Amino acid sequence: MGRITLSLLVLATLSYAQVWTLHIGGMHCIACTLAVKKALLSVPGVQEAKVNFKNESATVTTDETVTLPMMQKAVEKTGYTATHVIQK
């Protein structure tokens, strides 16, 4: 029974994961990416953050409790901007 419960828990967690693509304004170097990544990971519910300064982007995996304003506020505290990129 323990394996079934764990499997269902993992599936439930995965089904609610959201992946966000953000445009990050103001990044110029690797240190910038580290600051933005640290800020995003500090948001409760953020599971993973991949930041690329060359593309000025971040790909963020979150649970369903995370909102765009939460991530924007965290990024803005570091001196950068974050806007949601809607993929078509």
PDB file of N, CA and C in Angstrom:
ATOM      1  N   MET A   1       0.811  -1.192   0.000  1.00  0.00           N
ATOM      2  CA  MET A   1       0.000   0.000   0.000  1.00  0.00           C
ATOM      3  C   MET A   1       0.856   1.258   0.000  1.00  0.00           C
ATOM      4  N   GLY A   2       1.998   1.217   0.625  1.00  0.00           N
ATOM      5  CA  GLY A   2       2.869   2.386   0.691  1.00  0.00           C
ATOM      6  C   GLY A   2       3.309   2.865  -0.686  1.00  0.00           C
ATOM      7  N   ARG A   3       3.619   1.931  -1.573  1.00  0.00           N
ATOM      8  CA  ARG A   3       4.050   2.288  -2.923  1.00  0.00           C
ATOM      9  C   ARG A   3       2.926   2.936  -3.716  1.00  0.00           C
ATOM     10  N   ILE A   4       1.734   2.430  -3.557  1.00  0.00           N
ATOM     11  CA  ILE A   4       0.589   2.996  -4.278  1.00  0.00           C
ATOM     12  C   ILE A   4       0.325   4.414  -3.814  1.00  0.00           C
ATOM     13  N   THR A   5       0.348   4.637  -2.518  1.00  0.00           N
ATOM     14  CA  THR A   5       0.121   5.973  -1.976  1.00  0.00           C
ATOM     15  C   THR A   5       1.188   6.935  -2.469  1.00  0.00           C
ATOM     16  N   LEU A   6       2.441   6.529  -2.439  1.00  0.00           N
ATOM     17  CA  LEU A   6       3.533   7.377  -2.898  1.00  0.00           C
ATOM     18  C   LEU A   6       3.393   7.683  -4.383  1.00  0.00           C
ATOM     19  N   SER A   7       3.041   6.680  -5.169  1.00  0.00           N
ATOM     20  CA  SER A   7       2.863   6.880  -6.611  1.00  0.00           C
ATOM     21  C   SER A   7       1.739   7.860  -6.892  1.00  0.00           C
ATOM     22  N   LEU A   8       0.638   7.737  -6.177  1.00  0.00           N
ATOM     23  CA  LEU A   8      -0.471   8.664  -6.367  1.00  0.00           C
ATOM     24  C   LEU A   8      -0.093  10.072  -5.955  1.00  0.00           C
ATOM     25  N   LEU A   9       0.676  10.198  -4.901  1.00  0.00           N
ATOM     26  CA  LEU A   9       1.134  11.501  -4.449  1.00  0.00           C
ATOM     27  C   LEU A   9       2.036  12.147  -5.495  1.00  0.00           C
ATOM     28  N   VAL A  10       2.943  11.386  -6.065  1.00  0.00           N
ATOM     29  CA  VAL A  10       3.833  11.896  -7.106  1.00  0.00           C
ATOM     30  C   VAL A  10       3.023  12.319  -8.324  1.00  0.00           C
ATOM     31  N   LEU A  11       2.076  11.503  -8.737  1.00  0.00           N
ATOM     32  CA  LEU A  11       1.238  11.843  -9.887  1.00  0.00           C
ATOM     33  C   LEU A  11       0.411  13.095  -9.624  1.00  0.00           C
ATOM     34  N   ALA A  12      -0.125  13.232  -8.435  1.00  0.00           N
ATOM     35  CA  ALA A  12      -0.915  14.412  -8.097  1.00  0.00           C
ATOM     36  C   ALA A  12      -0.047  15.656  -8.122  1.00  0.00           C
ATOM     37  N   THR A  13       1.164  15.549  -7.634  1.00  0.00           N
ATOM     38  CA  THR A  13       2.085  16.686  -7.633  1.00  0.00           C
ATOM     39  C   THR A  13       2.458  17.070  -9.052  1.00  0.00           C
ATOM     40  N   LEU A  14       2.746  16.084  -9.891  1.00  0.00           N
ATOM     41  CA  LEU A  14       3.137  16.374 -11.263  1.00  0.00           C
ATOM     42  C   LEU A  14       1.995  16.974 -12.070  1.00  0.00           C
ATOM     43  N   SER A  15       0.787  16.560 -11.814  1.00  0.00           N
ATOM     44  CA  SER A  15      -0.335  17.041 -12.611  1.00  0.00           C
ATOM     45  C   SER A  15      -0.641  18.509 -12.346  1.00  0.00           C
ATOM     46  N   TYR A  16      -0.211  19.043 -11.231  1.00  0.00           N
ATOM     47  CA  TYR A  16      -0.467  20.440 -10.913  1.00  0.00           C
ATOM     48  C   TYR A  16       0.730  21.337 -11.186  1.00  0.00           C
ATOM     49  N   ALA A  17       1.797  20.804 -11.703  1.00  0.00           N
ATOM     50  CA  ALA A  17       2.973  21.617 -12.005  1.00  0.00           C
ATOM     51  C   ALA A  17       2.662  22.546 -13.169  1.00  0.00           C
ATOM     52  N   GLN A  18       3.132  23.768 -13.057  1.00  0.00           N
ATOM     53  CA  GLN A  18       2.979  24.757 -14.114  1.00  0.00           C
ATOM     54  C   GLN A  18       4.372  25.136 -14.593  1.00  0.00           C
ATOM     55  N   VAL A  19       4.510  25.371 -15.876  1.00  0.00           N
ATOM     56  CA  VAL A  19       5.777  25.829 -16.420  1.00  0.00           C
ATOM     57  C   VAL A  19       5.539  27.210 -17.024  1.00  0.00           C
ATOM     58  N   TRP A  20       6.298  28.180 -16.537  1.00  0.00           N
ATOM     59  CA  TRP A  20       6.191  29.562 -16.969  1.00  0.00           C
ATOM     60  C   TRP A  20       7.427  29.933 -17.784  1.00  0.00           C
ATOM     61  N   THR A  21       7.235  30.706 -18.821  1.00  0.00           N
ATOM     62  CA  THR A  21       8.353  31.306 -19.540  1.00  0.00           C
ATOM     63  C   THR A  21       8.274  32.798 -19.278  1.00  0.00           C
ATOM     64  N   LEU A  22       9.346  33.333 -18.702  1.00  0.00           N
ATOM     65  CA  LEU A  22       9.381  34.756 -18.355  1.00  0.00           C
ATOM     66  C   LEU A  22      10.463  35.468 -19.152  1.00  0.00           C
ATOM     67  N   HIS A  23      10.175  36.689 -19.558  1.00  0.00           N
ATOM     68  CA  HIS A  23      11.205  37.556 -20.125  1.00  0.00           C
ATOM     69  C   HIS A  23      11.767  38.345 -18.952  1.00  0.00           C
ATOM     70  N   ILE A  24      13.077  38.294 -18.787  1.00  0.00           N
ATOM     71  CA  ILE A  24      13.738  39.004 -17.693  1.00  0.00           C
ATOM     72  C   ILE A  24      14.505  40.180 -18.286  1.00  0.00           C
ATOM     73  N   GLY A  25      14.125  41.368 -17.901  1.00  0.00           N
ATOM     74  CA  GLY A  25      14.779  42.563 -18.416  1.00  0.00           C
ATOM     75  C   GLY A  25      15.898  43.035 -17.503  1.00  0.00           C
ATOM     76  N   GLY A  26      17.012  43.456 -18.107  1.00  0.00           N
ATOM     77  CA  GLY A  26      18.099  44.054 -17.349  1.00  0.00           C
ATOM     78  C   GLY A  26      19.276  43.149 -17.052  1.00  0.00           C
ATOM     79  N   MET A  27      19.245  41.907 -17.487  1.00  0.00           N
ATOM     80  CA  MET A  27      20.362  40.996 -17.214  1.00  0.00           C
ATOM     81  C   MET A  27      21.491  41.220 -18.213  1.00  0.00           C
ATOM     82  N   HIS A  28      22.739  41.161 -17.711  1.00  0.00           N
ATOM     83  CA  HIS A  28      23.897  41.369 -18.580  1.00  0.00           C
ATOM     84  C   HIS A  28      24.991  40.320 -18.427  1.00  0.00           C
ATOM     85  N   CYS A  29      24.887  39.487 -17.394  1.00  0.00           N
ATOM     86  CA  CYS A  29      25.999  38.572 -17.123  1.00  0.00           C
ATOM     87  C   CYS A  29      25.528  37.362 -16.310  1.00  0.00           C
ATOM     88  N   ILE A  30      26.460  36.466 -16.047  1.00  0.00           N
ATOM     89  CA  ILE A  30      26.170  35.260 -15.265  1.00  0.00           C
ATOM     90  C   ILE A  30      25.719  35.621 -13.849  1.00  0.00           C
ATOM     91  N   ALA A  31      26.337  36.633 -13.262  1.00  0.00           N
ATOM     92  CA  ALA A  31      25.942  37.040 -11.908  1.00  0.00           C
ATOM     93  C   ALA A  31      24.478  37.470 -11.878  1.00  0.00           C
ATOM     94  N   CYS A  32      24.025  38.103 -12.952  1.00  0.00           N
ATOM     95  CA  CYS A  32      22.618  38.500 -13.051  1.00  0.00           C
ATOM     96  C   CYS A  32      21.716  37.267 -13.011  1.00  0.00           C
ATOM     97  N   THR A  33      22.099  36.234 -13.766  1.00  0.00           N
ATOM     98  CA  THR A  33      21.275  35.030 -13.805  1.00  0.00           C
ATOM     99  C   THR A  33      21.196  34.366 -12.435  1.00  0.00           C
ATOM    100  N   LEU A  34      22.304  34.384 -11.721  1.00  0.00           N
ATOM    101  CA  LEU A  34      22.312  33.776 -10.385  1.00  0.00           C
ATOM    102  C   LEU A  34      21.409  34.538  -9.432  1.00  0.00           C
ATOM    103  N   ALA A  35      21.416  35.875  -9.523  1.00  0.00           N
ATOM    104  CA  ALA A  35      20.560  36.688  -8.655  1.00  0.00           C
ATOM    105  C   ALA A  35      19.085  36.432  -8.961  1.00  0.00           C
ATOM    106  N   VAL A  36      18.738  36.368 -10.249  1.00  0.00           N
ATOM    107  CA  VAL A  36      17.353  36.123 -10.645  1.00  0.00           C
ATOM    108  C   VAL A  36      16.923  34.714 -10.243  1.00  0.00           C
ATOM    109  N   LYS A  37      17.783  33.742 -10.471  1.00  0.00           N
ATOM    110  CA  LYS A  37      17.451  32.360 -10.101  1.00  0.00           C
ATOM    111  C   LYS A  37      17.219  32.244  -8.600  1.00  0.00           C
ATOM    112  N   LYS A  38      18.085  32.848  -7.820  1.00  0.00           N
ATOM    113  CA  LYS A  38      17.940  32.809  -6.364  1.00  0.00           C
ATOM    114  C   LYS A  38      16.620  33.464  -5.942  1.00  0.00           C
ATOM    115  N   ALA A  39      16.289  34.573  -6.580  1.00  0.00           N
ATOM    116  CA  ALA A  39      15.046  35.267  -6.250  1.00  0.00           C
ATOM    117  C   ALA A  39      13.831  34.398  -6.583  1.00  0.00           C
ATOM    118  N   LEU A  40      13.841  33.791  -7.753  1.00  0.00           N
ATOM    119  CA  LEU A  40      12.718  32.940  -8.147  1.00  0.00           C
ATOM    120  C   LEU A  40      12.583  31.731  -7.232  1.00  0.00           C
ATOM    121  N   LEU A  41      13.702  31.117  -6.881  1.00  0.00           N
ATOM    122  CA  LEU A  41      13.654  29.940  -6.009  1.00  0.00           C
ATOM    123  C   LEU A  41      13.211  30.284  -4.582  1.00  0.00           C
ATOM    124  N   SER A  42      13.280  31.558  -4.231  1.00  0.00           N
ATOM    125  CA  SER A  42      12.845  31.976  -2.894  1.00  0.00           C
ATOM    126  C   SER A  42      11.321  32.069  -2.788  1.00  0.00           C
ATOM    127  N   VAL A  43      10.632  32.041  -3.913  1.00  0.00           N
ATOM    128  CA  VAL A  43       9.168  32.107  -3.913  1.00  0.00           C
ATOM    129  C   VAL A  43       8.619  30.744  -3.503  1.00  0.00           C
ATOM    130  N   PRO A  44       7.806  30.692  -2.454  1.00  0.00           N
ATOM    131  CA  PRO A  44       7.229  29.408  -2.045  1.00  0.00           C
ATOM    132  C   PRO A  44       6.425  28.789  -3.187  1.00  0.00           C
ATOM    133  N   GLY A  45       6.702  27.524  -3.484  1.00  0.00           N
ATOM    134  CA  GLY A  45       6.001  26.832  -4.551  1.00  0.00           C
ATOM    135  C   GLY A  45       6.785  26.740  -5.843  1.00  0.00           C
ATOM    136  N   VAL A  46       7.878  27.502  -5.950  1.00  0.00           N
ATOM    137  CA  VAL A  46       8.737  27.390  -7.133  1.00  0.00           C
ATOM    138  C   VAL A  46       9.603  26.153  -6.944  1.00  0.00           C
ATOM    139  N   GLN A  47       9.545  25.249  -7.918  1.00  0.00           N
ATOM    140  CA  GLN A  47      10.267  23.990  -7.824  1.00  0.00           C
ATOM    141  C   GLN A  47      11.597  24.026  -8.568  1.00  0.00           C
ATOM    142  N   GLU A  48      11.647  24.785  -9.665  1.00  0.00           N
ATOM    143  CA  GLU A  48      12.857  24.844 -10.480  1.00  0.00           C
ATOM    144  C   GLU A  48      12.864  26.154 -11.253  1.00  0.00           C
ATOM    145  N   ALA A  49      14.058  26.720 -11.444  1.00  0.00           N
ATOM    146  CA  ALA A  49      14.192  27.937 -12.241  1.00  0.00           C
ATOM    147  C   ALA A  49      15.455  27.824 -13.086  1.00  0.00           C
ATOM    148  N   LYS A  50      15.282  27.968 -14.389  1.00  0.00           N
ATOM    149  CA  LYS A  50      16.411  27.979 -15.317  1.00  0.00           C
ATOM    150  C   LYS A  50      16.447  29.366 -15.947  1.00  0.00           C
ATOM    151  N   VAL A  51      17.563  30.064 -15.776  1.00  0.00           N
ATOM    152  CA  VAL A  51      17.673  31.451 -16.234  1.00  0.00           C
ATOM    153  C   VAL A  51      18.787  31.553 -17.260  1.00  0.00           C
ATOM    154  N   ASN A  52      18.532  32.284 -18.344  1.00  0.00           N
ATOM    155  CA  ASN A  52      19.496  32.446 -19.424  1.00  0.00           C
ATOM    156  C   ASN A  52      19.636  33.933 -19.741  1.00  0.00           C
ATOM    157  N   PHE A  53      20.812  34.516 -19.467  1.00  0.00           N
ATOM    158  CA  PHE A  53      20.963  35.946 -19.701  1.00  0.00           C
ATOM    159  C   PHE A  53      21.071  36.283 -21.180  1.00  0.00           C
ATOM    160  N   LYS A  54      21.595  35.386 -21.996  1.00  0.00           N
ATOM    161  CA  LYS A  54      21.701  35.653 -23.438  1.00  0.00           C
ATOM    162  C   LYS A  54      20.323  35.808 -24.074  1.00  0.00           C
ATOM    163  N   ASN A  55      19.387  34.970 -23.647  1.00  0.00           N
ATOM    164  CA  ASN A  55      18.018  35.038 -24.170  1.00  0.00           C
ATOM    165  C   ASN A  55      17.124  35.949 -23.337  1.00  0.00           C
ATOM    166  N   GLU A  56      17.664  36.462 -22.235  1.00  0.00           N
ATOM    167  CA  GLU A  56      16.901  37.272 -21.281  1.00  0.00           C
ATOM    168  C   GLU A  56      15.613  36.549 -20.879  1.00  0.00           C
ATOM    169  N   SER A  57      15.761  35.272 -20.510  1.00  0.00           N
ATOM    170  CA  SER A  57      14.569  34.490 -20.198  1.00  0.00           C
ATOM    171  C   SER A  57      14.773  33.608 -18.973  1.00  0.00           C
ATOM    172  N   ALA A  58      13.649  33.174 -18.451  1.00  0.00           N
ATOM    173  CA  ALA A  58      13.652  32.208 -17.353  1.00  0.00           C
ATOM    174  C   ALA A  58      12.523  31.222 -17.598  1.00  0.00           C
ATOM    175  N   THR A  59      12.797  29.959 -17.367  1.00  0.00           N
ATOM    176  CA  THR A  59      11.782  28.923 -17.410  1.00  0.00           C
ATOM    177  C   THR A  59      11.610  28.447 -15.979  1.00  0.00           C
ATOM    178  N   VAL A  60      10.401  28.593 -15.469  1.00  0.00           N
ATOM    179  CA  VAL A  60      10.146  28.349 -14.055  1.00  0.00           C
ATOM    180  C   VAL A  60       9.059  27.294 -13.905  1.00  0.00           C
ATOM    181  N   THR A  61       9.346  26.257 -13.127  1.00  0.00           N
ATOM    182  CA  THR A  61       8.367  25.217 -12.825  1.00  0.00           C
ATOM    183  C   THR A  61       7.855  25.470 -11.410  1.00  0.00           C
ATOM    184  N   THR A  62       6.535  25.532 -11.288  1.00  0.00           N
ATOM    185  CA  THR A  62       5.925  25.855  -9.997  1.00  0.00           C
ATOM    186  C   THR A  62       4.769  24.918  -9.697  1.00  0.00           C
ATOM    187  N   ASP A  63       4.305  24.985  -8.472  1.00  0.00           N
ATOM    188  CA  ASP A  63       3.046  24.319  -8.165  1.00  0.00           C
ATOM    189  C   ASP A  63       1.916  25.305  -8.458  1.00  0.00           C
ATOM    190  N   GLU A  64       0.683  24.880  -8.211  1.00  0.00           N
ATOM    191  CA  GLU A  64      -0.469  25.699  -8.584  1.00  0.00           C
ATOM    192  C   GLU A  64      -0.681  26.923  -7.706  1.00  0.00           C
ATOM    193  N   THR A  65       0.065  27.046  -6.624  1.00  0.00           N
ATOM    194  CA  THR A  65      -0.125  28.194  -5.724  1.00  0.00           C
ATOM    195  C   THR A  65       0.623  29.435  -6.183  1.00  0.00           C
ATOM    196  N   VAL A  66       1.556  29.282  -7.109  1.00  0.00           N
ATOM    197  CA  VAL A  66       2.395  30.403  -7.540  1.00  0.00           C
ATOM    198  C   VAL A  66       1.675  31.224  -8.605  1.00  0.00           C
ATOM    199  N   THR A  67       1.781  32.547  -8.465  1.00  0.00           N
ATOM    200  CA  THR A  67       1.197  33.459  -9.444  1.00  0.00           C
ATOM    201  C   THR A  67       2.302  34.290 -10.081  1.00  0.00           C
ATOM    202  N   LEU A  68       1.977  34.866 -11.224  1.00  0.00           N
ATOM    203  CA  LEU A  68       2.931  35.736 -11.905  1.00  0.00           C
ATOM    204  C   LEU A  68       3.352  36.914 -11.026  1.00  0.00           C
ATOM    205  N   PRO A  69       2.426  37.613 -10.370  1.00  0.00           N
ATOM    206  CA  PRO A  69       2.853  38.727  -9.505  1.00  0.00           C
ATOM    207  C   PRO A  69       3.834  38.322  -8.398  1.00  0.00           C
ATOM    208  N   MET A  70       3.694  37.108  -7.881  1.00  0.00           N
ATOM    209  CA  MET A  70       4.629  36.639  -6.850  1.00  0.00           C
ATOM    210  C   MET A  70       6.049  36.571  -7.411  1.00  0.00           C
ATOM    211  N   MET A  71       6.170  36.012  -8.623  1.00  0.00           N
ATOM    212  CA  MET A  71       7.492  35.892  -9.236  1.00  0.00           C
ATOM    213  C   MET A  71       8.021  37.260  -9.650  1.00  0.00           C
ATOM    214  N   GLN A  72       7.157  38.112 -10.182  1.00  0.00           N
ATOM    215  CA  GLN A  72       7.580  39.446 -10.594  1.00  0.00           C
ATOM    216  C   GLN A  72       8.117  40.239  -9.408  1.00  0.00           C
ATOM    217  N   LYS A  73       7.425  40.169  -8.291  1.00  0.00           N
ATOM    218  CA  LYS A  73       7.854  40.898  -7.097  1.00  0.00           C
ATOM    219  C   LYS A  73       9.242  40.439  -6.643  1.00  0.00           C
ATOM    220  N   ALA A  74       9.461  39.127  -6.647  1.00  0.00           N
ATOM    221  CA  ALA A  74      10.762  38.587  -6.226  1.00  0.00           C
ATOM    222  C   ALA A  74      11.871  39.052  -7.165  1.00  0.00           C
ATOM    223  N   VAL A  75      11.613  39.022  -8.471  1.00  0.00           N
ATOM    224  CA  VAL A  75      12.620  39.435  -9.454  1.00  0.00           C
ATOM    225  C   VAL A  75      12.875  40.937  -9.353  1.00  0.00           C
ATOM    226  N   GLU A  76      11.816  41.724  -9.190  1.00  0.00           N
ATOM    227  CA  GLU A  76      11.965  43.175  -9.100  1.00  0.00           C
ATOM    228  C   GLU A  76      12.787  43.601  -7.891  1.00  0.00           C
ATOM    229  N   LYS A  77      12.734  42.829  -6.811  1.00  0.00           N
ATOM    230  CA  LYS A  77      13.544  43.134  -5.624  1.00  0.00           C
ATOM    231  C   LYS A  77      15.040  43.039  -5.933  1.00  0.00           C
ATOM    232  N   THR A  78      15.405  42.296  -6.963  1.00  0.00           N
ATOM    233  CA  THR A  78      16.813  42.165  -7.340  1.00  0.00           C
ATOM    234  C   THR A  78      17.231  43.216  -8.368  1.00  0.00           C
ATOM    235  N   GLY A  79      16.265  44.037  -8.826  1.00  0.00           N
ATOM    236  CA  GLY A  79      16.592  45.107  -9.764  1.00  0.00           C
ATOM    237  C   GLY A  79      16.311  44.782 -11.226  1.00  0.00           C
ATOM    238  N   TYR A  80      15.614  43.693 -11.491  1.00  0.00           N
ATOM    239  CA  TYR A  80      15.298  43.288 -12.863  1.00  0.00           C
ATOM    240  C   TYR A  80      13.782  43.306 -13.045  1.00  0.00           C
ATOM    241  N   THR A  81      13.341  43.106 -14.271  1.00  0.00           N
ATOM    242  CA  THR A  81      11.903  43.031 -14.527  1.00  0.00           C
ATOM    243  C   THR A  81      11.563  41.635 -15.045  1.00  0.00           C
ATOM    244  N   ALA A  82      10.320  41.245 -14.830  1.00  0.00           N
ATOM    245  CA  ALA A  82       9.864  39.931 -15.310  1.00  0.00           C
ATOM    246  C   ALA A  82       8.478  40.094 -15.916  1.00  0.00           C
ATOM    247  N   THR A  83       8.343  39.624 -17.151  1.00  0.00           N
ATOM    248  CA  THR A  83       7.040  39.611 -17.797  1.00  0.00           C
ATOM    249  C   THR A  83       6.792  38.212 -18.341  1.00  0.00           C
ATOM    250  N   HIS A  84       5.534  37.813 -18.325  1.00  0.00           N
ATOM    251  CA  HIS A  84       5.154  36.473 -18.784  1.00  0.00           C
ATOM    252  C   HIS A  84       5.157  36.444 -20.299  1.00  0.00           C
ATOM    253  N   VAL A  85       5.784  35.428 -20.857  1.00  0.00           N
ATOM    254  CA  VAL A  85       5.776  35.218 -22.293  1.00  0.00           C
ATOM    255  C   VAL A  85       4.704  34.186 -22.592  1.00  0.00           C
ATOM    256  N   ILE A  86       3.710  34.583 -23.340  1.00  0.00           N
ATOM    257  CA  ILE A  86       2.638  33.652 -23.702  1.00  0.00           C
ATOM    258  C   ILE A  86       3.065  32.956 -24.994  1.00  0.00           C
ATOM    259  N   GLN A  87       3.202  31.645 -24.911  1.00  0.00           N
ATOM    260  CA  GLN A  87       3.636  30.869 -26.065  1.00  0.00           C
ATOM    261  C   GLN A  87       2.444  30.488 -26.917  1.00  0.00           C
ATOM    262  N   LYS A  88       2.569  30.660 -28.211  1.00  0.00           N
ATOM    263  CA  LYS A  88       1.471  30.353 -29.135  1.00  0.00           C
ATOM    264  C   LYS A  88       1.692  29.038 -29.802  1.00  0.00           C
TER     265      LYS A  88
END
